[in-house]
Amino acid sequence: MDTASNTSGTATQSKSWVRLNVGGQLFLTTHQTLNRVPNSFFSVLLSETELISDKDETGAFLIDRDPKYFQPVLNYLRHGKLILDGVSEEGVLEEAEFYSILPLIVLLKDRISRRDQNPSFEKKRVYRVLQCQENEVTQMVSTMSDGWRFEQLINIGTQYNYGGEENAEFLCVVSKECLNVGREQESNDRAKVLQQKGSRM
């Protein structure tokens, strides 16, 4: 009797989980999550009466969409918050419209509209000026990361003796595209002043 009860409980639990194969990537979620928005693609998919979908060898529903943009859609269904994690609003909007997630569509359109009207969301190039010795230039330029790129090398004319050899000192100007720079503008202006000063030396 206990065995039958456990078997029934296991069957009920397994039915509450759903496997989705979106563009070749597997996602595991629940019926409750997928049914959070009424009349969506998923509520029809799980109704098993109006839509018959192919399944892969694991039993996951096959959906021919981009998994990168599906992740924010699934997370929105899980907790009601929009987390883009580096993907574009337009890409997620396309998926939200495909899956007929109306509240998410409204949220994304509003966010895109506010972004387009607010210049603080535009990408701006931020400049940094690094002071370095002649023997450090090559290593510094070759190890730049995190989106920074080399722009200009300025010889500031300072000579010093290091290890018995005459060496020069340089200003290395680097740049990076950033969103909503704010305080970074000061660094941008300072870099331009130093570039002008270096060019006159």
C-alpha atoms as a PDB file:
ATOM      1  CA  MET A   1       0.000   0.000   0.000  1.00  0.00           C
ATOM      2  CA  ASP A   2       2.837   2.371   0.859  1.00  0.00           C
ATOM      3  CA  THR A   3       4.579   1.440  -2.396  1.00  0.00           C
ATOM      4  CA  ALA A   4       1.514   2.316  -4.437  1.00  0.00           C
ATOM      5  CA  SER A   5       1.215   5.624  -2.619  1.00  0.00           C
ATOM      6  CA  ASN A   6       4.855   6.501  -3.325  1.00  0.00           C
ATOM      7  CA  THR A   7       4.478   5.551  -6.976  1.00  0.00           C
ATOM      8  CA  SER A   8       1.436   7.767  -7.326  1.00  0.00           C
ATOM      9  CA  GLY A   9       3.260  10.651  -5.653  1.00  0.00           C
ATOM     10  CA  THR A  10       6.250  10.254  -7.967  1.00  0.00           C
ATOM     11  CA  ALA A  11       4.028  10.251 -11.052  1.00  0.00           C
ATOM     12  CA  THR A  12       2.255  13.409  -9.899  1.00  0.00           C
ATOM     13  CA  GLN A  13       5.575  15.124  -9.217  1.00  0.00           C
ATOM     14  CA  SER A  14       7.026  14.165 -12.625  1.00  0.00           C
ATOM     15  CA  LYS A  15       3.958  15.524 -14.406  1.00  0.00           C
ATOM     16  CA  SER A  16       4.511  18.940 -12.811  1.00  0.00           C
ATOM     17  CA  TRP A  17       7.875  19.310 -14.577  1.00  0.00           C
ATOM     18  CA  VAL A  18       8.299  20.191 -18.245  1.00  0.00           C
ATOM     19  CA  ARG A  19      11.359  19.842 -20.462  1.00  0.00           C
ATOM     20  CA  LEU A  20      11.811  22.308 -23.313  1.00  0.00           C
ATOM     21  CA  ASN A  21      14.354  21.993 -26.106  1.00  0.00           C
ATOM     22  CA  VAL A  22      14.740  25.551 -27.389  1.00  0.00           C
ATOM     23  CA  GLY A  23      17.088  25.768 -30.352  1.00  0.00           C
ATOM     24  CA  GLY A  24      19.029  22.751 -29.103  1.00  0.00           C
ATOM     25  CA  GLN A  25      19.348  23.902 -25.477  1.00  0.00           C
ATOM     26  CA  LEU A  26      17.395  22.083 -22.763  1.00  0.00           C
ATOM     27  CA  PHE A  27      15.380  23.964 -20.149  1.00  0.00           C
ATOM     28  CA  LEU A  28      13.621  22.426 -17.166  1.00  0.00           C
ATOM     29  CA  THR A  29      10.671  24.251 -15.628  1.00  0.00           C
ATOM     30  CA  THR A  30       7.206  23.600 -14.222  1.00  0.00           C
ATOM     31  CA  HIS A  31       3.625  23.610 -15.499  1.00  0.00           C
ATOM     32  CA  GLN A  32       2.880  26.346 -12.956  1.00  0.00           C
ATOM     33  CA  THR A  33       5.609  28.612 -14.363  1.00  0.00           C
ATOM     34  CA  LEU A  34       4.605  28.102 -17.995  1.00  0.00           C
ATOM     35  CA  ASN A  35       0.920  28.676 -17.217  1.00  0.00           C
ATOM     36  CA  ARG A  36       1.575  31.923 -15.331  1.00  0.00           C
ATOM     37  CA  VAL A  37       0.319  34.046 -18.262  1.00  0.00           C
ATOM     38  CA  PRO A  38      -3.071  32.915 -19.616  1.00  0.00           C
ATOM     39  CA  ASN A  39      -3.554  32.378 -23.358  1.00  0.00           C
ATOM     40  CA  SER A  40       0.170  32.240 -24.051  1.00  0.00           C
ATOM     41  CA  PHE A  41       2.003  29.874 -26.377  1.00  0.00           C
ATOM     42  CA  PHE A  42       2.833  27.670 -23.384  1.00  0.00           C
ATOM     43  CA  SER A  43      -0.702  27.410 -21.996  1.00  0.00           C
ATOM     44  CA  VAL A  44      -1.786  26.152 -25.426  1.00  0.00           C
ATOM     45  CA  LEU A  45       1.243  23.839 -25.672  1.00  0.00           C
ATOM     46  CA  LEU A  46       0.474  22.210 -22.329  1.00  0.00           C
ATOM     47  CA  SER A  47      -3.248  21.889 -22.965  1.00  0.00           C
ATOM     48  CA  GLU A  48      -2.446  18.866 -25.213  1.00  0.00           C
ATOM     49  CA  THR A  49      -5.630  19.474 -27.165  1.00  0.00           C
ATOM     50  CA  GLU A  50      -5.021  22.390 -29.533  1.00  0.00           C
ATOM     51  CA  LEU A  51      -1.338  22.071 -30.374  1.00  0.00           C
ATOM     52  CA  ILE A  52       0.705  18.981 -31.097  1.00  0.00           C
ATOM     53  CA  SER A  53       4.433  19.616 -30.798  1.00  0.00           C
ATOM     54  CA  ASP A  54       7.321  17.363 -31.753  1.00  0.00           C
ATOM     55  CA  LYS A  55       9.522  16.079 -28.953  1.00  0.00           C
ATOM     56  CA  ASP A  56      13.175  15.093 -28.872  1.00  0.00           C
ATOM     57  CA  GLU A  57      14.586  11.777 -27.640  1.00  0.00           C
ATOM     58  CA  THR A  58      14.381  12.960 -24.000  1.00  0.00           C
ATOM     59  CA  GLY A  59      10.695  13.865 -24.295  1.00  0.00           C
ATOM     60  CA  ALA A  60      11.369  17.622 -24.352  1.00  0.00           C
ATOM     61  CA  PHE A  61       9.123  19.834 -26.467  1.00  0.00           C
ATOM     62  CA  LEU A  62      11.032  21.030 -29.541  1.00  0.00           C
ATOM     63  CA  ILE A  63      10.851  24.796 -30.091  1.00  0.00           C
ATOM     64  CA  ASP A  64      12.800  26.339 -32.955  1.00  0.00           C
ATOM     65  CA  ARG A  65      13.799  29.632 -31.304  1.00  0.00           C
ATOM     66  CA  ASP A  66      16.999  31.263 -30.022  1.00  0.00           C
ATOM     67  CA  PRO A  67      17.781  29.990 -26.479  1.00  0.00           C
ATOM     68  CA  LYS A  68      19.782  33.139 -25.654  1.00  0.00           C
ATOM     69  CA  TYR A  69      16.644  35.273 -25.846  1.00  0.00           C
ATOM     70  CA  PHE A  70      14.401  32.609 -24.341  1.00  0.00           C
ATOM     71  CA  GLN A  71      16.215  32.627 -20.977  1.00  0.00           C
ATOM     72  CA  PRO A  72      14.955  36.116 -19.961  1.00  0.00           C
ATOM     73  CA  VAL A  73      11.429  35.116 -21.018  1.00  0.00           C
ATOM     74  CA  LEU A  74      11.504  32.009 -18.828  1.00  0.00           C
ATOM     75  CA  ASN A  75      12.956  33.928 -15.886  1.00  0.00           C
ATOM     76  CA  TYR A  76      10.187  36.519 -16.236  1.00  0.00           C
ATOM     77  CA  LEU A  77       7.606  33.734 -15.999  1.00  0.00           C
ATOM     78  CA  ARG A  78       9.374  32.393 -12.917  1.00  0.00           C
ATOM     79  CA  HIS A  79       9.544  35.577 -10.837  1.00  0.00           C
ATOM     80  CA  GLY A  80       7.945  38.431 -12.782  1.00  0.00           C
ATOM     81  CA  LYS A  81      11.151  40.418 -13.189  1.00  0.00           C
ATOM     82  CA  LEU A  82      12.954  41.330 -16.395  1.00  0.00           C
ATOM     83  CA  ILE A  83      16.656  40.409 -16.246  1.00  0.00           C
ATOM     84  CA  LEU A  84      18.397  40.890 -19.590  1.00  0.00           C
ATOM     85  CA  ASP A  85      21.928  39.816 -18.607  1.00  0.00           C
ATOM     86  CA  GLY A  86      23.570  41.432 -21.642  1.00  0.00           C
ATOM     87  CA  VAL A  87      21.026  40.589 -24.350  1.00  0.00           C
ATOM     88  CA  SER A  88      19.129  43.262 -26.274  1.00  0.00           C
ATOM     89  CA  GLU A  89      15.606  44.346 -25.411  1.00  0.00           C
ATOM     90  CA  GLU A  90      14.612  43.999 -29.070  1.00  0.00           C
ATOM     91  CA  GLY A  91      15.727  40.355 -29.173  1.00  0.00           C
ATOM     92  CA  VAL A  92      13.744  39.468 -26.053  1.00  0.00           C
ATOM     93  CA  LEU A  93      10.742  41.419 -27.369  1.00  0.00           C
ATOM     94  CA  GLU A  94      10.711  39.249 -30.493  1.00  0.00           C
ATOM     95  CA  GLU A  95      10.531  36.144 -28.292  1.00  0.00           C
ATOM     96  CA  ALA A  96       7.902  37.617 -25.970  1.00  0.00           C
ATOM     97  CA  GLU A  97       5.721  38.345 -28.994  1.00  0.00           C
ATOM     98  CA  PHE A  98       6.250  34.847 -30.391  1.00  0.00           C
ATOM     99  CA  TYR A  99       5.265  33.262 -27.063  1.00  0.00           C
ATOM    100  CA  SER A 100       2.395  35.767 -26.581  1.00  0.00           C
ATOM    101  CA  ILE A 101       3.566  36.881 -23.117  1.00  0.00           C
ATOM    102  CA  LEU A 102       1.516  40.107 -23.085  1.00  0.00           C
ATOM    103  CA  PRO A 103       2.726  41.645 -19.768  1.00  0.00           C
ATOM    104  CA  LEU A 104       6.349  41.137 -20.849  1.00  0.00           C
ATOM    105  CA  ILE A 105       5.653  42.675 -24.260  1.00  0.00           C
ATOM    106  CA  VAL A 106       4.244  45.792 -22.588  1.00  0.00           C
ATOM    107  CA  LEU A 107       7.198  45.973 -20.184  1.00  0.00           C
ATOM    108  CA  LEU A 108       9.789  45.639 -22.953  1.00  0.00           C
ATOM    109  CA  LYS A 109       8.137  48.190 -25.241  1.00  0.00           C
ATOM    110  CA  ASP A 110       8.025  50.670 -22.372  1.00  0.00           C
ATOM    111  CA  ARG A 111      11.669  50.035 -21.537  1.00  0.00           C
ATOM    112  CA  ILE A 112      12.765  50.436 -25.175  1.00  0.00           C
ATOM    113  CA  SER A 113      10.783  53.665 -25.469  1.00  0.00           C
ATOM    114  CA  ARG A 114      12.352  55.125 -22.315  1.00  0.00           C
ATOM    115  CA  ARG A 115      15.823  54.050 -23.443  1.00  0.00           C
ATOM    116  CA  ASP A 116      15.414  55.702 -26.845  1.00  0.00           C
ATOM    117  CA  GLN A 117      14.201  58.952 -25.276  1.00  0.00           C
ATOM    118  CA  ASN A 118      16.911  59.098 -22.610  1.00  0.00           C
ATOM    119  CA  PRO A 119      20.388  60.022 -23.898  1.00  0.00           C
ATOM    120  CA  SER A 120      22.002  58.701 -20.697  1.00  0.00           C
ATOM    121  CA  PHE A 121      21.448  55.188 -22.068  1.00  0.00           C
ATOM    122  CA  GLU A 122      23.462  55.903 -25.202  1.00  0.00           C
ATOM    123  CA  LYS A 123      26.871  54.349 -25.564  1.00  0.00           C
ATOM    124  CA  LYS A 124      29.711  56.825 -25.109  1.00  0.00           C
ATOM    125  CA  ARG A 125      33.435  56.319 -25.444  1.00  0.00           C
ATOM    126  CA  VAL A 126      35.349  56.792 -22.204  1.00  0.00           C
ATOM    127  CA  TYR A 127      39.071  57.583 -22.285  1.00  0.00           C
ATOM    128  CA  ARG A 128      41.728  56.723 -19.725  1.00  0.00           C
ATOM    129  CA  VAL A 129      45.331  57.920 -19.602  1.00  0.00           C
ATOM    130  CA  LEU A 130      47.956  55.582 -18.153  1.00  0.00           C
ATOM    131  CA  GLN A 131      51.510  56.666 -17.397  1.00  0.00           C
ATOM    132  CA  CYS A 132      54.139  54.051 -18.155  1.00  0.00           C
ATOM    133  CA  GLN A 133      57.838  53.541 -18.760  1.00  0.00           C
ATOM    134  CA  GLU A 134      59.246  52.687 -22.147  1.00  0.00           C
ATOM    135  CA  ASN A 135      59.945  49.067 -21.257  1.00  0.00           C
ATOM    136  CA  GLU A 136      56.338  48.592 -20.009  1.00  0.00           C
ATOM    137  CA  VAL A 137      54.488  49.799 -23.120  1.00  0.00           C
ATOM    138  CA  THR A 138      54.409  46.522 -25.060  1.00  0.00           C
ATOM    139  CA  GLN A 139      53.228  44.423 -22.129  1.00  0.00           C
ATOM    140  CA  MET A 140      50.534  46.905 -21.117  1.00  0.00           C
ATOM    141  CA  VAL A 141      49.060  47.183 -24.615  1.00  0.00           C
ATOM    142  CA  SER A 142      49.093  43.406 -25.182  1.00  0.00           C
ATOM    143  CA  THR A 143      47.348  42.624 -21.879  1.00  0.00           C
ATOM    144  CA  MET A 144      44.463  45.099 -22.140  1.00  0.00           C
ATOM    145  CA  SER A 145      41.064  43.460 -21.563  1.00  0.00           C
ATOM    146  CA  ASP A 146      37.462  44.106 -20.502  1.00  0.00           C
ATOM    147  CA  GLY A 147      36.679  46.069 -23.657  1.00  0.00           C
ATOM    148  CA  TRP A 148      39.552  48.558 -23.388  1.00  0.00           C
ATOM    149  CA  ARG A 149      41.506  49.297 -26.557  1.00  0.00           C
ATOM    150  CA  PHE A 150      44.675  51.212 -27.341  1.00  0.00           C
ATOM    151  CA  GLU A 151      44.193  54.690 -28.865  1.00  0.00           C
ATOM    152  CA  GLN A 152      47.413  56.723 -28.687  1.00  0.00           C
ATOM    153  CA  LEU A 153      50.922  56.693 -27.227  1.00  0.00           C
ATOM    154  CA  ILE A 154      52.330  60.067 -26.200  1.00  0.00           C
ATOM    155  CA  ASN A 155      56.008  60.637 -25.380  1.00  0.00           C
ATOM    156  CA  ILE A 156      56.010  63.169 -22.532  1.00  0.00           C
ATOM    157  CA  GLY A 157      59.733  63.780 -22.931  1.00  0.00           C
ATOM    158  CA  THR A 158      60.846  62.693 -19.471  1.00  0.00           C
ATOM    159  CA  GLN A 159      64.147  60.808 -19.573  1.00  0.00           C
ATOM    160  CA  TYR A 160      65.399  58.684 -16.699  1.00  0.00           C
ATOM    161  CA  ASN A 161      68.249  56.297 -16.138  1.00  0.00           C
ATOM    162  CA  TYR A 162      67.185  52.745 -15.302  1.00  0.00           C
ATOM    163  CA  GLY A 163      69.671  49.901 -15.171  1.00  0.00           C
ATOM    164  CA  GLY A 164      72.323  51.979 -16.896  1.00  0.00           C
ATOM    165  CA  GLU A 165      70.097  52.743 -19.905  1.00  0.00           C
ATOM    166  CA  GLU A 166      68.279  55.904 -20.930  1.00  0.00           C
ATOM    167  CA  ASN A 167      64.501  55.353 -21.020  1.00  0.00           C
ATOM    168  CA  ALA A 168      61.565  57.542 -21.939  1.00  0.00           C
ATOM    169  CA  GLU A 169      58.233  57.956 -20.175  1.00  0.00           C
ATOM    170  CA  PHE A 170      54.919  57.756 -22.031  1.00  0.00           C
ATOM    171  CA  LEU A 171      51.222  58.435 -21.626  1.00  0.00           C
ATOM    172  CA  CYS A 172      49.116  55.610 -23.055  1.00  0.00           C
ATOM    173  CA  VAL A 173      45.586  56.654 -24.026  1.00  0.00           C
ATOM    174  CA  VAL A 174      42.998  53.838 -23.999  1.00  0.00           C
ATOM    175  CA  SER A 175      39.234  53.885 -24.561  1.00  0.00           C
ATOM    176  CA  LYS A 176      36.118  51.831 -23.924  1.00  0.00           C
ATOM    177  CA  GLU A 177      32.432  52.076 -24.844  1.00  0.00           C
ATOM    178  CA  CYS A 178      30.264  52.501 -21.740  1.00  0.00           C
ATOM    179  CA  LEU A 179      26.611  53.144 -20.899  1.00  0.00           C
ATOM    180  CA  ASN A 180      25.529  56.157 -18.854  1.00  0.00           C
ATOM    181  CA  VAL A 181      29.019  57.475 -18.234  1.00  0.00           C
ATOM    182  CA  GLY A 182      28.180  60.259 -15.775  1.00  0.00           C
ATOM    183  CA  ARG A 183      31.350  60.815 -13.723  1.00  0.00           C
ATOM    184  CA  GLU A 184      33.494  59.311 -16.479  1.00  0.00           C
ATOM    185  CA  GLN A 185      33.178  62.560 -18.449  1.00  0.00           C
ATOM    186  CA  GLU A 186      35.865  64.098 -16.242  1.00  0.00           C
ATOM    187  CA  SER A 187      38.332  61.402 -17.328  1.00  0.00           C
ATOM    188  CA  ASN A 188      37.366  61.996 -20.939  1.00  0.00           C
ATOM    189  CA  ASP A 189      38.097  65.722 -20.704  1.00  0.00           C
ATOM    190  CA  ARG A 190      41.371  65.144 -18.848  1.00  0.00           C
ATOM    191  CA  ALA A 191      42.541  62.713 -21.515  1.00  0.00           C
ATOM    192  CA  LYS A 192      41.928  65.262 -24.255  1.00  0.00           C
ATOM    193  CA  VAL A 193      43.936  67.899 -22.377  1.00  0.00           C
ATOM    194  CA  LEU A 194      46.849  65.506 -21.923  1.00  0.00           C
ATOM    195  CA  GLN A 195      46.709  64.528 -25.604  1.00  0.00           C
ATOM    196  CA  GLN A 196      46.979  68.182 -26.608  1.00  0.00           C
ATOM    197  CA  LYS A 197      49.796  68.776 -24.135  1.00  0.00           C
ATOM    198  CA  GLY A 198      51.703  65.728 -25.387  1.00  0.00           C
ATOM    199  CA  SER A 199      51.380  66.745 -29.016  1.00  0.00           C
ATOM    200  CA  ARG A 200      53.052  70.079 -28.293  1.00  0.00           C
ATOM    201  CA  MET A 201      56.113  68.472 -26.650  1.00  0.00           C
END
